[in-house]
Amino acid sequence: MAKVPAAAQAWYLVAQIYEQKANAYKPFGDTTNPTVALKAKRNM
């Protein structure tokens, strides 16, 4: 997505945060972050 190494690292870190939130999502209990997994995939 980014050709500048620092920008690529930033996008990676953002996607990593989204992935962590997605992994913590519980569909039958916590409804805070239902679309975070999609955001993580979109930023990869």
N, C-alpha and C. Protein backbone atom coordinates (compact mmCIF):
# COMPACT_ATOMS: atom_id res chain seq x y z
N MET A 1 0.82 -1.17 0.00
CA MET A 1 0.00 0.00 0.00
C MET A 1 0.87 1.25 0.00
N ALA A 2 1.93 1.28 0.78
CA ALA A 2 2.79 2.45 0.85
C ALA A 2 4.18 2.10 0.36
N LYS A 3 4.80 3.03 -0.36
CA LYS A 3 6.14 2.78 -0.89
C LYS A 3 7.23 3.33 0.02
N VAL A 4 6.88 4.18 0.95
CA VAL A 4 7.83 4.73 1.90
C VAL A 4 7.90 3.77 3.09
N PRO A 5 9.11 3.32 3.47
CA PRO A 5 9.21 2.34 4.55
C PRO A 5 8.52 2.75 5.85
N ALA A 6 8.64 4.01 6.25
CA ALA A 6 8.00 4.45 7.49
C ALA A 6 6.48 4.38 7.38
N ALA A 7 5.95 4.73 6.22
CA ALA A 7 4.50 4.67 6.02
C ALA A 7 4.03 3.21 6.00
N ALA A 8 4.82 2.35 5.39
CA ALA A 8 4.47 0.93 5.37
C ALA A 8 4.45 0.37 6.78
N GLN A 9 5.41 0.76 7.60
CA GLN A 9 5.45 0.32 8.99
C GLN A 9 4.24 0.83 9.75
N ALA A 10 3.86 2.06 9.51
CA ALA A 10 2.69 2.64 10.18
C ALA A 10 1.42 1.88 9.81
N TRP A 11 1.25 1.57 8.52
CA TRP A 11 0.06 0.80 8.09
C TRP A 11 0.06 -0.59 8.72
N TYR A 12 1.24 -1.19 8.83
CA TYR A 12 1.34 -2.51 9.45
C TYR A 12 0.90 -2.44 10.91
N LEU A 13 1.35 -1.41 11.63
CA LEU A 13 0.99 -1.28 13.04
C LEU A 13 -0.50 -1.02 13.22
N VAL A 14 -1.09 -0.23 12.34
CA VAL A 14 -2.53 0.02 12.40
C VAL A 14 -3.29 -1.30 12.17
N ALA A 15 -2.89 -2.05 11.17
CA ALA A 15 -3.54 -3.33 10.89
C ALA A 15 -3.37 -4.29 12.06
N GLN A 16 -2.21 -4.25 12.70
CA GLN A 16 -1.96 -5.12 13.84
C GLN A 16 -2.89 -4.78 15.01
N ILE A 17 -3.13 -3.51 15.24
CA ILE A 17 -4.06 -3.09 16.29
C ILE A 17 -5.46 -3.58 15.98
N TYR A 18 -5.89 -3.41 14.72
CA TYR A 18 -7.22 -3.89 14.33
C TYR A 18 -7.33 -5.40 14.50
N GLU A 19 -6.27 -6.12 14.17
CA GLU A 19 -6.30 -7.58 14.30
C GLU A 19 -6.42 -7.99 15.76
N GLN A 20 -5.71 -7.30 16.64
CA GLN A 20 -5.80 -7.61 18.07
C GLN A 20 -7.22 -7.37 18.59
N LYS A 21 -7.83 -6.27 18.16
CA LYS A 21 -9.20 -5.98 18.58
C LYS A 21 -10.16 -7.02 18.02
N ALA A 22 -9.92 -7.44 16.77
CA ALA A 22 -10.79 -8.44 16.15
C ALA A 22 -10.68 -9.78 16.88
N ASN A 23 -9.48 -10.14 17.29
CA ASN A 23 -9.30 -11.40 18.00
C ASN A 23 -9.95 -11.38 19.38
N ALA A 24 -10.12 -10.20 19.95
CA ALA A 24 -10.74 -10.08 21.26
C ALA A 24 -12.27 -10.01 21.17
N TYR A 25 -12.80 -9.86 19.98
CA TYR A 25 -14.24 -9.72 19.77
C TYR A 25 -14.97 -11.02 20.08
N LYS A 26 -16.00 -10.93 20.88
CA LYS A 26 -16.85 -12.08 21.22
C LYS A 26 -18.25 -11.79 20.68
N PRO A 27 -18.69 -12.48 19.64
CA PRO A 27 -19.97 -12.16 19.00
C PRO A 27 -21.20 -12.33 19.89
N PHE A 28 -21.11 -13.15 20.91
CA PHE A 28 -22.28 -13.38 21.76
C PHE A 28 -22.17 -12.69 23.11
N GLY A 29 -21.22 -11.79 23.24
CA GLY A 29 -21.07 -11.08 24.51
C GLY A 29 -20.72 -9.62 24.25
N ASP A 30 -19.53 -9.40 23.74
CA ASP A 30 -19.05 -8.04 23.50
C ASP A 30 -19.38 -7.64 22.07
N THR A 31 -20.16 -6.60 21.90
CA THR A 31 -20.52 -6.15 20.56
C THR A 31 -19.82 -4.83 20.21
N THR A 32 -18.67 -4.59 20.82
CA THR A 32 -17.96 -3.33 20.63
C THR A 32 -17.31 -3.20 19.26
N ASN A 33 -16.67 -4.25 18.78
CA ASN A 33 -15.88 -4.15 17.55
C ASN A 33 -16.25 -5.22 16.51
N PRO A 34 -17.46 -5.22 16.00
CA PRO A 34 -17.85 -6.30 15.08
C PRO A 34 -17.20 -6.22 13.70
N THR A 35 -16.75 -5.06 13.26
CA THR A 35 -16.19 -4.95 11.91
C THR A 35 -14.69 -4.73 11.90
N VAL A 36 -14.04 -4.92 13.02
CA VAL A 36 -12.61 -4.64 13.10
C VAL A 36 -11.81 -5.61 12.23
N ALA A 37 -12.22 -6.86 12.11
CA ALA A 37 -11.50 -7.82 11.29
C ALA A 37 -11.48 -7.36 9.83
N LEU A 38 -12.57 -6.81 9.37
CA LEU A 38 -12.62 -6.30 7.99
C LEU A 38 -11.66 -5.13 7.81
N LYS A 39 -11.57 -4.26 8.80
CA LYS A 39 -10.65 -3.14 8.73
C LYS A 39 -9.22 -3.62 8.68
N ALA A 40 -8.90 -4.63 9.46
CA ALA A 40 -7.54 -5.17 9.48
C ALA A 40 -7.17 -5.74 8.12
N LYS A 41 -8.07 -6.50 7.51
CA LYS A 41 -7.80 -7.07 6.18
C LYS A 41 -7.67 -6.00 5.13
N ARG A 42 -8.48 -4.95 5.24
CA ARG A 42 -8.45 -3.87 4.26
C ARG A 42 -7.13 -3.10 4.34
N ASN A 43 -6.51 -3.03 5.52
CA ASN A 43 -5.27 -2.28 5.70
C ASN A 43 -4.03 -3.11 5.41
N MET A 44 -4.17 -4.39 5.20
CA MET A 44 -3.00 -5.22 4.93
C MET A 44 -2.53 -5.06 3.51
